[in-house]
Protein backbone atom coordinates (compact mmCIF):
# COMPACT_ATOMS: atom_id res chain seq x y z
CA MET A 1 0.19 -0.01 -0.44
CA THR A 2 2.76 2.81 1.26
CA GLY A 3 4.78 1.21 -2.09
CA LEU A 4 1.56 2.21 -4.38
CA VAL A 5 1.31 5.53 -2.55
CA ALA A 6 4.99 6.31 -3.17
CA ARG A 7 4.82 5.21 -6.97
CA THR A 8 1.64 6.99 -7.74
CA GLY A 9 1.67 10.09 -5.47
CA ARG A 10 -2.36 9.22 -4.71
CA PRO A 11 -3.50 9.42 -1.03
CA VAL A 12 -3.23 6.66 1.02
CA TRP A 13 -6.82 6.57 1.52
CA LEU A 14 -7.71 6.12 -2.12
CA VAL A 15 -5.24 3.56 -2.74
CA ARG A 16 -6.36 1.58 0.22
CA ALA A 17 -9.94 1.61 -0.92
CA VAL A 18 -8.89 0.72 -4.39
CA ILE A 19 -7.06 -2.33 -3.00
CA GLU A 20 -9.71 -2.89 -0.65
CA GLY A 21 -12.24 -2.87 -4.02
CA SER A 22 -10.21 -5.17 -5.99
CA VAL A 23 -10.14 -7.80 -3.41
CA LEU A 24 -13.61 -7.73 -2.79
CA VAL A 25 -14.71 -8.22 -6.33
CA LEU A 26 -11.77 -11.40 -7.18
CA GLY A 27 -13.22 -13.05 -3.69
CA PHE A 28 -16.64 -12.27 -5.29
CA ALA A 29 -15.72 -13.66 -8.47
CA LEU A 30 -14.13 -16.73 -7.23
CA GLY A 31 -17.35 -17.42 -5.41
CA GLY A 32 -17.07 -16.15 -1.93
CA PRO A 33 -20.02 -14.37 0.18
CA VAL A 34 -20.25 -10.46 0.08
CA GLY A 35 -22.22 -8.92 2.48
CA VAL A 36 -23.25 -5.54 3.93
CA GLY A 37 -20.18 -6.23 6.52
CA THR A 38 -17.79 -7.00 3.91
CA VAL A 39 -18.61 -4.07 1.76
CA VAL A 40 -18.58 -1.79 4.21
CA PHE A 41 -15.50 -2.84 5.87
CA ALA A 42 -13.80 -2.96 1.85
CA PHE A 43 -14.93 0.91 1.46
CA GLY A 44 -14.70 1.95 5.07
CA VAL A 45 -11.37 1.45 5.89
CA GLY A 46 -9.54 3.33 3.42
CA PRO A 47 -11.44 6.85 4.46
CA LEU A 48 -10.98 5.95 7.81
CA ILE A 49 -6.85 5.38 7.72
CA GLY A 50 -6.91 8.48 5.39
CA LEU A 51 -8.46 10.34 8.62
CA VAL A 52 -6.38 8.34 11.19
CA LEU A 53 -3.13 8.21 9.65
CA PRO A 54 -2.18 11.78 9.54
CA ARG A 55 -3.32 12.48 13.27
CA MET A 56 -1.00 9.53 14.35
CA GLN A 57 1.81 11.09 12.35
CA ARG A 58 1.38 14.66 14.42
CA TRP A 59 0.83 12.48 17.19
CA ARG A 60 4.33 10.53 17.03
CA SER A 61 5.79 13.87 15.87
CA ALA A 62 5.31 15.50 19.07
CA ARG A 63 6.04 12.95 20.89
CA SER A 64 9.53 12.58 19.67
CA ALA A 65 9.87 16.18 20.26
CA ARG A 66 8.81 16.30 23.29
CA ALA A 67 11.64 13.08 24.58
CA VAL A 68 14.49 15.08 22.59
CA ALA A 69 14.12 18.09 24.44
CA ALA A 70 13.28 16.31 28.15
CA PRO A 71 16.64 17.11 29.97
CA PRO A 72 18.99 14.24 30.66
CA VAL A 73 17.93 13.70 33.65
CA GLU A 74 14.30 13.24 33.30
CA ARG A 75 15.32 10.87 30.13
CA ALA A 76 17.64 8.54 32.78
CA GLU A 77 13.89 8.29 34.82
CA ARG A 78 12.29 7.12 31.57
CA ASP A 79 15.56 5.15 30.32
CA PRO A 80 18.48 4.54 32.69
CA SER A 81 21.02 3.23 29.64
CA ALA A 82 20.21 7.15 28.23
CA LEU A 83 22.71 8.31 30.78
CA GLU A 84 25.17 5.86 29.40
CA ARG A 85 24.69 7.49 25.87
CA ALA A 86 25.11 10.96 26.90
C-alpha cells in the first residue's frame, strides 16, 4: 500500500480503497460471500486510514520532539541507559 502511494502520488485512503475494492471483486468472482459488512469494510477502511494516519503521524512527531527536548536527567528516569549514551 505505501509503495503504491509513493509510486502513484495518490492519497493513502484512495489507494487502500482501491486495493480493498479489488480484493472484494476478486473474492466475489471466486465465489466468496459478499455481505453488507464486507462492502462497508472494503470501502470504509481506506477513508478511515486517511483520517487517522495524519493524526497519528502528528502525535508521534510531537511525542518524539518532547522526548528529544527532555533534560538528560528526566530521560534517564524513563530510560536508565540514556545516561550511558550521553
